[in-house]
Amino acid sequence: MKAFLEEFKGFAMRGNVVDLAIAVVIGGAFGTIVTSVVSDIIMPVIGVLTGGVDFSHLAWTMKEATLSGPAVTLGYGKFINAIINFIIVAFAIFVAMKQMNRFLKKEAEKPVEAPKPTKDQELLMEIRDLLKK
């Protein structure tokens, strides 16, 4: 049992697992931010532009409600809203990633100075040059 726990500890504490855990937590937080941007900033603007169109009430009734049970409906309007929400979230993430990639590209294009050779390297280069002569 102790060997099993040691093996599990070694697995759980590997760098990849810890990095993945951190990525999941940050991804969840980023997802919350994007969802807030979409629902609190973008969707109200779209609602004003489209006259407040809301598909969530659209449904196909497969069985009417009776005294013995509720109606059975296929809520395709909620599905349409989910698709629209997904497209907006995907577009918002695309724009954010595009801007981040543009920033990273600018950082990568900055000239990188070659490291100055050490004294040992300079001496070796001099010896090399003398041997060539």
N, C-alpha and C. Protein backbone atom coordinates (compact mmCIF):
# COMPACT_ATOMS: atom_id res chain seq x y z
N MET A 1 0.82 -1.19 0.00
CA MET A 1 0.00 0.00 0.00
C MET A 1 0.87 1.26 0.00
N LYS A 2 1.96 1.22 0.77
CA LYS A 2 2.85 2.38 0.85
C LYS A 2 3.49 2.67 -0.51
N ALA A 3 3.89 1.60 -1.22
CA ALA A 3 4.48 1.78 -2.55
C ALA A 3 3.47 2.39 -3.51
N PHE A 4 2.21 1.98 -3.39
CA PHE A 4 1.15 2.52 -4.23
C PHE A 4 0.98 4.01 -3.97
N LEU A 5 0.95 4.40 -2.71
CA LEU A 5 0.80 5.81 -2.35
C LEU A 5 2.00 6.63 -2.81
N GLU A 6 3.21 6.07 -2.70
CA GLU A 6 4.41 6.76 -3.17
C GLU A 6 4.34 6.97 -4.68
N GLU A 7 3.89 5.92 -5.39
CA GLU A 7 3.78 6.02 -6.85
C GLU A 7 2.74 7.07 -7.23
N PHE A 8 1.61 7.08 -6.50
CA PHE A 8 0.58 8.09 -6.77
C PHE A 8 1.11 9.49 -6.49
N LYS A 9 1.83 9.65 -5.39
CA LYS A 9 2.41 10.96 -5.05
C LYS A 9 3.36 11.42 -6.16
N GLY A 10 4.20 10.49 -6.65
CA GLY A 10 5.11 10.83 -7.74
C GLY A 10 4.36 11.24 -9.00
N PHE A 11 3.24 10.57 -9.28
CA PHE A 11 2.43 10.91 -10.45
C PHE A 11 1.77 12.27 -10.28
N ALA A 12 1.17 12.49 -9.11
CA ALA A 12 0.41 13.71 -8.87
C ALA A 12 1.30 14.95 -8.80
N MET A 13 2.55 14.77 -8.40
CA MET A 13 3.41 15.91 -8.24
C MET A 13 4.32 16.16 -9.43
N ARG A 14 4.13 15.38 -10.50
CA ARG A 14 4.91 15.63 -11.72
C ARG A 14 4.58 17.03 -12.24
N GLY A 15 5.52 17.61 -12.92
CA GLY A 15 5.32 18.97 -13.44
C GLY A 15 4.13 19.08 -14.37
N ASN A 16 3.92 18.09 -15.22
CA ASN A 16 2.82 18.17 -16.19
C ASN A 16 1.47 18.21 -15.50
N VAL A 17 1.29 17.41 -14.46
CA VAL A 17 0.02 17.37 -13.76
C VAL A 17 -0.23 18.69 -13.05
N VAL A 18 0.77 19.22 -12.41
CA VAL A 18 0.63 20.50 -11.72
C VAL A 18 0.36 21.62 -12.74
N ASP A 19 1.08 21.61 -13.86
CA ASP A 19 0.84 22.61 -14.90
C ASP A 19 -0.58 22.52 -15.44
N LEU A 20 -1.06 21.29 -15.63
CA LEU A 20 -2.43 21.09 -16.12
C LEU A 20 -3.44 21.61 -15.11
N ALA A 21 -3.21 21.34 -13.84
CA ALA A 21 -4.13 21.83 -12.80
C ALA A 21 -4.18 23.35 -12.79
N ILE A 22 -3.03 23.98 -12.92
CA ILE A 22 -2.98 25.44 -12.97
C ILE A 22 -3.71 25.95 -14.20
N ALA A 23 -3.51 25.30 -15.34
CA ALA A 23 -4.18 25.71 -16.57
C ALA A 23 -5.69 25.58 -16.45
N VAL A 24 -6.17 24.53 -15.80
CA VAL A 24 -7.61 24.35 -15.62
C VAL A 24 -8.18 25.47 -14.75
N VAL A 25 -7.49 25.80 -13.67
CA VAL A 25 -7.98 26.86 -12.78
C VAL A 25 -8.00 28.20 -13.51
N ILE A 26 -6.91 28.52 -14.21
CA ILE A 26 -6.85 29.79 -14.95
C ILE A 26 -7.88 29.79 -16.08
N GLY A 27 -8.03 28.65 -16.75
CA GLY A 27 -9.02 28.55 -17.82
C GLY A 27 -10.43 28.76 -17.30
N GLY A 28 -10.72 28.21 -16.13
CA GLY A 28 -12.04 28.43 -15.53
C GLY A 28 -12.28 29.89 -15.20
N ALA A 29 -11.27 30.53 -14.65
CA ALA A 29 -11.39 31.96 -14.33
C ALA A 29 -11.55 32.78 -15.61
N PHE A 30 -10.78 32.43 -16.65
CA PHE A 30 -10.89 33.15 -17.92
C PHE A 30 -12.26 32.92 -18.53
N GLY A 31 -12.79 31.69 -18.41
CA GLY A 31 -14.13 31.40 -18.92
C GLY A 31 -15.18 32.24 -18.22
N THR A 32 -15.03 32.44 -16.93
CA THR A 32 -15.96 33.28 -16.17
C THR A 32 -15.90 34.73 -16.66
N ILE A 33 -14.70 35.21 -16.93
CA ILE A 33 -14.54 36.58 -17.43
C ILE A 33 -15.19 36.72 -18.80
N VAL A 34 -14.92 35.77 -19.69
CA VAL A 34 -15.49 35.84 -21.05
C VAL A 34 -17.00 35.74 -20.99
N THR A 35 -17.53 34.84 -20.16
CA THR A 35 -18.98 34.71 -20.03
C THR A 35 -19.60 36.01 -19.53
N SER A 36 -18.93 36.66 -18.58
CA SER A 36 -19.43 37.94 -18.06
C SER A 36 -19.39 39.01 -19.15
N VAL A 37 -18.31 39.05 -19.91
CA VAL A 37 -18.23 40.03 -21.01
C VAL A 37 -19.36 39.81 -22.00
N VAL A 38 -19.60 38.55 -22.35
CA VAL A 38 -20.66 38.24 -23.32
C VAL A 38 -22.03 38.59 -22.76
N SER A 39 -22.34 38.09 -21.54
CA SER A 39 -23.69 38.27 -21.02
C SER A 39 -23.96 39.69 -20.53
N ASP A 40 -22.94 40.38 -20.01
CA ASP A 40 -23.16 41.70 -19.41
C ASP A 40 -22.84 42.87 -20.34
N ILE A 41 -22.03 42.64 -21.37
CA ILE A 41 -21.63 43.74 -22.24
C ILE A 41 -22.11 43.54 -23.68
N ILE A 42 -21.81 42.37 -24.24
CA ILE A 42 -22.11 42.15 -25.66
C ILE A 42 -23.59 41.85 -25.90
N MET A 43 -24.18 40.94 -25.11
CA MET A 43 -25.57 40.55 -25.34
C MET A 43 -26.56 41.72 -25.19
N PRO A 44 -26.40 42.62 -24.21
CA PRO A 44 -27.32 43.77 -24.17
C PRO A 44 -27.25 44.62 -25.44
N VAL A 45 -26.05 44.80 -25.99
CA VAL A 45 -25.91 45.57 -27.23
C VAL A 45 -26.61 44.84 -28.37
N ILE A 46 -26.40 43.53 -28.46
CA ILE A 46 -27.06 42.74 -29.51
C ILE A 46 -28.57 42.77 -29.31
N GLY A 47 -29.02 42.71 -28.06
CA GLY A 47 -30.44 42.79 -27.78
C GLY A 47 -31.05 44.09 -28.26
N VAL A 48 -30.34 45.21 -28.07
CA VAL A 48 -30.83 46.51 -28.54
C VAL A 48 -30.85 46.53 -30.07
N LEU A 49 -29.79 46.01 -30.69
CA LEU A 49 -29.70 46.03 -32.15
C LEU A 49 -30.75 45.13 -32.81
N THR A 50 -31.11 44.03 -32.18
CA THR A 50 -32.09 43.11 -32.77
C THR A 50 -33.49 43.32 -32.24
N GLY A 51 -33.70 44.33 -31.44
CA GLY A 51 -35.03 44.59 -30.91
C GLY A 51 -35.42 43.64 -29.79
N GLY A 52 -34.46 43.10 -29.11
CA GLY A 52 -34.74 42.23 -27.96
C GLY A 52 -35.19 40.84 -28.35
N VAL A 53 -34.72 40.33 -29.48
CA VAL A 53 -35.11 39.00 -29.92
C VAL A 53 -34.60 37.96 -28.91
N ASP A 54 -35.51 37.10 -28.48
CA ASP A 54 -35.16 36.03 -27.55
C ASP A 54 -35.81 34.75 -28.04
N PHE A 55 -34.99 33.76 -28.32
CA PHE A 55 -35.50 32.50 -28.85
C PHE A 55 -35.85 31.49 -27.77
N SER A 56 -35.56 31.80 -26.51
CA SER A 56 -35.67 30.80 -25.46
C SER A 56 -37.09 30.26 -25.28
N HIS A 57 -38.10 31.01 -25.67
CA HIS A 57 -39.48 30.56 -25.50
C HIS A 57 -39.94 29.62 -26.62
N LEU A 58 -39.17 29.50 -27.70
CA LEU A 58 -39.56 28.63 -28.81
C LEU A 58 -39.41 27.17 -28.43
N ALA A 59 -40.47 26.40 -28.66
CA ALA A 59 -40.44 24.98 -28.33
C ALA A 59 -41.47 24.25 -29.17
N TRP A 60 -41.21 22.97 -29.38
CA TRP A 60 -42.15 22.12 -30.10
C TRP A 60 -42.77 21.19 -29.07
N THR A 61 -44.07 21.24 -28.95
CA THR A 61 -44.76 20.42 -27.97
C THR A 61 -45.01 19.04 -28.57
N MET A 62 -44.41 18.03 -27.96
CA MET A 62 -44.58 16.65 -28.44
C MET A 62 -45.79 15.99 -27.75
N LYS A 63 -46.09 16.41 -26.52
CA LYS A 63 -47.22 15.87 -25.78
C LYS A 63 -47.77 16.99 -24.90
N GLU A 64 -49.05 17.25 -25.00
CA GLU A 64 -49.68 18.30 -24.21
C GLU A 64 -49.70 17.92 -22.73
N ALA A 65 -49.77 18.91 -21.89
CA ALA A 65 -49.85 18.67 -20.45
C ALA A 65 -51.20 18.06 -20.11
N THR A 66 -51.19 17.17 -19.18
CA THR A 66 -52.44 16.55 -18.70
C THR A 66 -52.47 16.67 -17.19
N LEU A 67 -53.55 16.19 -16.61
CA LEU A 67 -53.65 16.21 -15.15
C LEU A 67 -52.61 15.30 -14.51
N SER A 68 -52.21 14.27 -15.26
CA SER A 68 -51.27 13.32 -14.69
C SER A 68 -49.80 13.70 -14.91
N GLY A 69 -49.53 14.68 -15.75
CA GLY A 69 -48.14 15.03 -15.98
C GLY A 69 -47.96 16.29 -16.80
N PRO A 70 -46.75 16.84 -16.75
CA PRO A 70 -46.47 18.07 -17.50
C PRO A 70 -46.34 17.79 -19.00
N ALA A 71 -46.29 18.86 -19.77
CA ALA A 71 -46.11 18.74 -21.22
C ALA A 71 -44.69 18.29 -21.52
N VAL A 72 -44.57 17.58 -22.61
CA VAL A 72 -43.25 17.17 -23.09
C VAL A 72 -42.93 18.04 -24.29
N THR A 73 -41.89 18.87 -24.13
CA THR A 73 -41.54 19.81 -25.19
C THR A 73 -40.09 19.65 -25.61
N LEU A 74 -39.85 20.03 -26.83
CA LEU A 74 -38.49 20.06 -27.37
C LEU A 74 -38.12 21.53 -27.47
N GLY A 75 -37.27 22.02 -26.56
CA GLY A 75 -36.95 23.44 -26.47
C GLY A 75 -35.85 23.86 -27.42
N TYR A 76 -36.18 23.92 -28.70
CA TYR A 76 -35.16 24.28 -29.69
C TYR A 76 -34.76 25.74 -29.60
N GLY A 77 -35.55 26.58 -29.01
CA GLY A 77 -35.21 27.99 -28.84
C GLY A 77 -34.03 28.18 -27.90
N LYS A 78 -34.01 27.40 -26.82
CA LYS A 78 -32.88 27.46 -25.90
C LYS A 78 -31.60 26.97 -26.59
N PHE A 79 -31.76 25.98 -27.47
CA PHE A 79 -30.62 25.48 -28.24
C PHE A 79 -30.10 26.57 -29.18
N ILE A 80 -30.99 27.28 -29.83
CA ILE A 80 -30.58 28.39 -30.71
C ILE A 80 -29.85 29.46 -29.91
N ASN A 81 -30.39 29.79 -28.71
CA ASN A 81 -29.70 30.76 -27.85
C ASN A 81 -28.31 30.27 -27.45
N ALA A 82 -28.17 28.97 -27.16
CA ALA A 82 -26.86 28.42 -26.79
C ALA A 82 -25.90 28.51 -27.96
N ILE A 83 -26.37 28.25 -29.17
CA ILE A 83 -25.51 28.36 -30.36
C ILE A 83 -25.06 29.81 -30.55
N ILE A 84 -25.98 30.74 -30.43
CA ILE A 84 -25.63 32.16 -30.58
C ILE A 84 -24.63 32.56 -29.51
N ASN A 85 -24.87 32.13 -28.28
CA ASN A 85 -23.95 32.44 -27.18
C ASN A 85 -22.57 31.85 -27.46
N PHE A 86 -22.53 30.60 -27.95
CA PHE A 86 -21.25 29.97 -28.27
C PHE A 86 -20.50 30.76 -29.35
N ILE A 87 -21.21 31.16 -30.39
CA ILE A 87 -20.56 31.92 -31.48
C ILE A 87 -19.99 33.23 -30.95
N ILE A 88 -20.73 33.90 -30.09
CA ILE A 88 -20.26 35.17 -29.53
C ILE A 88 -19.05 34.93 -28.63
N VAL A 89 -19.10 33.90 -27.77
CA VAL A 89 -17.97 33.60 -26.89
C VAL A 89 -16.75 33.21 -27.72
N ALA A 90 -16.95 32.36 -28.74
CA ALA A 90 -15.83 31.94 -29.59
C ALA A 90 -15.22 33.15 -30.29
N PHE A 91 -16.06 34.07 -30.76
CA PHE A 91 -15.55 35.26 -31.44
C PHE A 91 -14.78 36.15 -30.45
N ALA A 92 -15.31 36.30 -29.24
CA ALA A 92 -14.62 37.12 -28.23
C ALA A 92 -13.26 36.52 -27.88
N ILE A 93 -13.20 35.19 -27.74
CA ILE A 93 -11.92 34.54 -27.45
C ILE A 93 -10.97 34.68 -28.63
N PHE A 94 -11.51 34.55 -29.87
CA PHE A 94 -10.68 34.71 -31.06
C PHE A 94 -10.05 36.10 -31.10
N VAL A 95 -10.85 37.12 -30.84
CA VAL A 95 -10.33 38.50 -30.87
C VAL A 95 -9.28 38.68 -29.78
N ALA A 96 -9.53 38.14 -28.57
CA ALA A 96 -8.56 38.28 -27.48
C ALA A 96 -7.26 37.56 -27.82
N MET A 97 -7.35 36.36 -28.38
CA MET A 97 -6.15 35.61 -28.74
C MET A 97 -5.40 36.28 -29.89
N LYS A 98 -6.14 36.85 -30.83
CA LYS A 98 -5.51 37.55 -31.95
C LYS A 98 -4.68 38.73 -31.43
N GLN A 99 -5.24 39.47 -30.48
CA GLN A 99 -4.51 40.60 -29.91
C GLN A 99 -3.29 40.12 -29.12
N MET A 100 -3.45 39.03 -28.37
CA MET A 100 -2.33 38.51 -27.60
C MET A 100 -1.23 38.01 -28.53
N ASN A 101 -1.61 37.32 -29.61
CA ASN A 101 -0.60 36.85 -30.57
C ASN A 101 0.12 38.02 -31.23
N ARG A 102 -0.61 39.09 -31.51
CA ARG A 102 0.01 40.27 -32.11
C ARG A 102 1.03 40.88 -31.14
N PHE A 103 0.68 40.93 -29.87
CA PHE A 103 1.61 41.44 -28.86
C PHE A 103 2.83 40.53 -28.75
N LEU A 104 2.60 39.21 -28.73
CA LEU A 104 3.73 38.28 -28.62
C LEU A 104 4.62 38.34 -29.85
N LYS A 105 4.03 38.58 -31.02
CA LYS A 105 4.82 38.69 -32.25
C LYS A 105 5.72 39.92 -32.18
N LYS A 106 5.20 41.02 -31.65
CA LYS A 106 6.02 42.22 -31.50
C LYS A 106 7.17 41.97 -30.54
N GLU A 107 6.89 41.23 -29.47
CA GLU A 107 7.95 40.90 -28.51
C GLU A 107 9.01 40.02 -29.16
N ALA A 108 8.58 39.09 -30.01
CA ALA A 108 9.52 38.16 -30.65
C ALA A 108 10.37 38.88 -31.70
N GLU A 109 9.82 39.94 -32.31
CA GLU A 109 10.54 40.66 -33.35
C GLU A 109 11.61 41.59 -32.80
N LYS A 110 11.61 41.84 -31.51
CA LYS A 110 12.63 42.71 -30.92
C LYS A 110 14.00 42.07 -31.13
N PRO A 111 14.96 42.87 -31.54
CA PRO A 111 16.28 42.30 -31.78
C PRO A 111 16.90 41.77 -30.48
N VAL A 112 17.45 40.60 -30.62
CA VAL A 112 18.09 39.97 -29.47
C VAL A 112 19.60 40.10 -29.65
N GLU A 113 20.26 40.68 -28.65
CA GLU A 113 21.70 40.85 -28.72
C GLU A 113 22.37 39.50 -28.48
N ALA A 114 23.35 39.23 -29.32
CA ALA A 114 24.12 38.00 -29.13
C ALA A 114 24.95 38.16 -27.86
N PRO A 115 25.01 37.13 -27.05
CA PRO A 115 25.80 37.26 -25.83
C PRO A 115 27.27 37.46 -26.16
N LYS A 116 27.91 38.32 -25.39
CA LYS A 116 29.32 38.61 -25.61
C LYS A 116 30.14 37.39 -25.20
N PRO A 117 31.12 37.01 -26.03
CA PRO A 117 31.91 35.83 -25.68
C PRO A 117 32.72 36.06 -24.41
N THR A 118 32.90 34.99 -23.67
CA THR A 118 33.68 35.07 -22.45
C THR A 118 35.17 35.15 -22.81
N LYS A 119 35.99 35.42 -21.81
CA LYS A 119 37.44 35.49 -22.05
C LYS A 119 37.96 34.17 -22.61
N ASP A 120 37.49 33.06 -22.07
CA ASP A 120 37.92 31.74 -22.57
C ASP A 120 37.57 31.58 -24.04
N GLN A 121 36.36 31.98 -24.38
CA GLN A 121 35.93 31.85 -25.77
C GLN A 121 36.75 32.75 -26.69
N GLU A 122 37.05 33.95 -26.23
CA GLU A 122 37.88 34.85 -27.04
C GLU A 122 39.27 34.25 -27.27
N LEU A 123 39.85 33.69 -26.22
CA LEU A 123 41.16 33.06 -26.36
C LEU A 123 41.11 31.89 -27.32
N LEU A 124 40.06 31.08 -27.22
CA LEU A 124 39.92 29.94 -28.14
C LEU A 124 39.75 30.41 -29.58
N MET A 125 39.03 31.50 -29.78
CA MET A 125 38.86 32.03 -31.14
C MET A 125 40.20 32.54 -31.68
N GLU A 126 40.99 33.18 -30.83
CA GLU A 126 42.31 33.65 -31.26
C GLU A 126 43.21 32.47 -31.63
N ILE A 127 43.19 31.42 -30.82
CA ILE A 127 44.00 30.24 -31.12
C ILE A 127 43.54 29.61 -32.43
N ARG A 128 42.23 29.53 -32.63
CA ARG A 128 41.69 28.98 -33.87
C ARG A 128 42.17 29.79 -35.07
N ASP A 129 42.08 31.11 -34.95
CA ASP A 129 42.50 31.97 -36.06
C ASP A 129 44.01 31.83 -36.33
N LEU A 130 44.84 31.72 -35.28
CA LEU A 130 46.27 31.54 -35.46
C LEU A 130 46.58 30.19 -36.11
N LEU A 131 45.84 29.17 -35.75
CA LEU A 131 46.05 27.85 -36.35
C LEU A 131 45.65 27.83 -37.83
N LYS A 132 44.65 28.62 -38.19
CA LYS A 132 44.26 28.70 -39.59
C LYS A 132 45.35 29.33 -40.44
N LYS A 133 46.09 30.28 -39.86
CA LYS A 133 47.14 30.97 -40.59
C LYS A 133 48.30 30.03 -40.75
